[in-house]
Amino acid sequence: MNMRLLEEAILMGMIPKTVVDNLKHRRCPFCGKSTKNFTFKDKLSEREFLISGMCQECQDNIFNEKNE
């Protein structure tokens, strides 16, 4: 994740500061749980983590709702 771009987005009011703080401290931006030793159920989930920083539980909650 490009932290410089995230910080610029905060300044522009596009992303809440708490989201970036969570990402900087290796926590899920949605629930705040630590992602330091997290495991993912598949490669797609790992890839999503690299993009969004979301833990597996939040990914399941968000993406399963869209599929129902």
C-alpha atoms as a PDB file:
ATOM      1  CA  MET A   1       0.000   0.000   0.000  1.00  0.00           C
ATOM      2  CA  ASN A   2       1.280   3.427  -0.877  1.00  0.00           C
ATOM      3  CA  MET A   3       1.079   5.330   2.408  1.00  0.00           C
ATOM      4  CA  ARG A   4       1.904   8.652   0.753  1.00  0.00           C
ATOM      5  CA  LEU A   5      -1.189   8.378  -1.448  1.00  0.00           C
ATOM      6  CA  LEU A   6      -3.304   7.420   1.551  1.00  0.00           C
ATOM      7  CA  GLU A   7      -2.047  10.413   3.511  1.00  0.00           C
ATOM      8  CA  GLU A   8      -2.874  12.696   0.583  1.00  0.00           C
ATOM      9  CA  ALA A   9      -6.368  11.192   0.469  1.00  0.00           C
ATOM     10  CA  ILE A  10      -6.804  12.021   4.170  1.00  0.00           C
ATOM     11  CA  LEU A  11      -5.818  15.623   3.549  1.00  0.00           C
ATOM     12  CA  MET A  12      -8.392  15.802   0.776  1.00  0.00           C
ATOM     13  CA  GLY A  13     -11.045  14.349   3.105  1.00  0.00           C
ATOM     14  CA  MET A  14     -11.447  11.176   1.071  1.00  0.00           C
ATOM     15  CA  ILE A  15     -10.339   8.653   3.716  1.00  0.00           C
ATOM     16  CA  PRO A  16     -10.806   8.909   7.507  1.00  0.00           C
ATOM     17  CA  LYS A  17      -7.554   9.218   9.469  1.00  0.00           C
ATOM     18  CA  THR A  18      -8.512   6.188  11.609  1.00  0.00           C
ATOM     19  CA  VAL A  19      -8.424   3.951   8.522  1.00  0.00           C
ATOM     20  CA  VAL A  20      -4.873   5.004   7.697  1.00  0.00           C
ATOM     21  CA  ASP A  21      -3.784   4.704  11.343  1.00  0.00           C
ATOM     22  CA  ASN A  22      -5.084   1.121  11.385  1.00  0.00           C
ATOM     23  CA  LEU A  23      -3.234   0.299   8.152  1.00  0.00           C
ATOM     24  CA  LYS A  24       0.015   1.824   9.442  1.00  0.00           C
ATOM     25  CA  HIS A  25      -0.187  -0.312  12.581  1.00  0.00           C
ATOM     26  CA  ARG A  26      -1.064  -3.482  10.619  1.00  0.00           C
ATOM     27  CA  ARG A  27      -4.682  -3.559  11.720  1.00  0.00           C
ATOM     28  CA  CYS A  28      -7.732  -4.169   9.589  1.00  0.00           C
ATOM     29  CA  PRO A  29      -9.091  -0.774   8.459  1.00  0.00           C
ATOM     30  CA  PHE A  30     -12.657  -1.931   9.136  1.00  0.00           C
ATOM     31  CA  CYS A  31     -12.591  -3.794  12.470  1.00  0.00           C
ATOM     32  CA  GLY A  32      -9.168  -2.778  13.849  1.00  0.00           C
ATOM     33  CA  LYS A  33      -7.990  -6.353  14.538  1.00  0.00           C
ATOM     34  CA  SER A  34      -4.274  -7.034  14.159  1.00  0.00           C
ATOM     35  CA  THR A  35      -3.305  -8.530  10.804  1.00  0.00           C
ATOM     36  CA  LYS A  36       0.312  -9.349  11.740  1.00  0.00           C
ATOM     37  CA  ASN A  37      -0.140 -13.120  11.940  1.00  0.00           C
ATOM     38  CA  PHE A  38      -3.324 -13.455   9.956  1.00  0.00           C
ATOM     39  CA  THR A  39      -4.005 -16.387   7.656  1.00  0.00           C
ATOM     40  CA  PHE A  40      -6.209 -16.260   4.593  1.00  0.00           C
ATOM     41  CA  LYS A  41      -8.373 -18.974   3.110  1.00  0.00           C
ATOM     42  CA  ASP A  42      -7.147 -18.589  -0.461  1.00  0.00           C
ATOM     43  CA  LYS A  43      -4.916 -16.600  -2.809  1.00  0.00           C
ATOM     44  CA  LEU A  44      -7.742 -14.256  -3.762  1.00  0.00           C
ATOM     45  CA  SER A  45      -8.207 -13.290  -0.102  1.00  0.00           C
ATOM     46  CA  GLU A  46      -4.468 -12.705   0.261  1.00  0.00           C
ATOM     47  CA  ARG A  47      -4.538 -10.479  -2.811  1.00  0.00           C
ATOM     48  CA  GLU A  48      -7.480  -8.507  -1.445  1.00  0.00           C
ATOM     49  CA  PHE A  49      -5.562  -8.011   1.795  1.00  0.00           C
ATOM     50  CA  LEU A  50      -2.656  -6.511  -0.158  1.00  0.00           C
ATOM     51  CA  ILE A  51      -5.072  -4.095  -1.823  1.00  0.00           C
ATOM     52  CA  SER A  52      -7.358  -3.125   1.052  1.00  0.00           C
ATOM     53  CA  GLY A  53      -5.707  -4.357   4.264  1.00  0.00           C
ATOM     54  CA  MET A  54      -8.925  -6.163   5.253  1.00  0.00           C
ATOM     55  CA  CYS A  55      -8.756  -9.207   7.517  1.00  0.00           C
ATOM     56  CA  GLN A  56     -10.382 -12.457   6.400  1.00  0.00           C
ATOM     57  CA  GLU A  57     -13.432 -11.973   8.630  1.00  0.00           C
ATOM     58  CA  CYS A  58     -14.204  -8.517   7.182  1.00  0.00           C
ATOM     59  CA  GLN A  59     -13.645  -9.767   3.642  1.00  0.00           C
ATOM     60  CA  ASP A  60     -16.114 -12.584   4.293  1.00  0.00           C
ATOM     61  CA  ASN A  61     -18.656 -10.187   5.773  1.00  0.00           C
ATOM     62  CA  ILE A  62     -18.387  -7.660   2.955  1.00  0.00           C
ATOM     63  CA  PHE A  63     -18.103  -9.942  -0.051  1.00  0.00           C
ATOM     64  CA  ASN A  64     -20.565 -12.604   1.132  1.00  0.00           C
ATOM     65  CA  GLU A  65     -23.254  -9.933   1.560  1.00  0.00           C
ATOM     66  CA  LYS A  66     -22.832  -8.976  -2.098  1.00  0.00           C
ATOM     67  CA  ASN A  67     -23.166 -12.602  -3.205  1.00  0.00           C
ATOM     68  CA  GLU A  68     -26.406 -13.280  -1.302  1.00  0.00           C
END
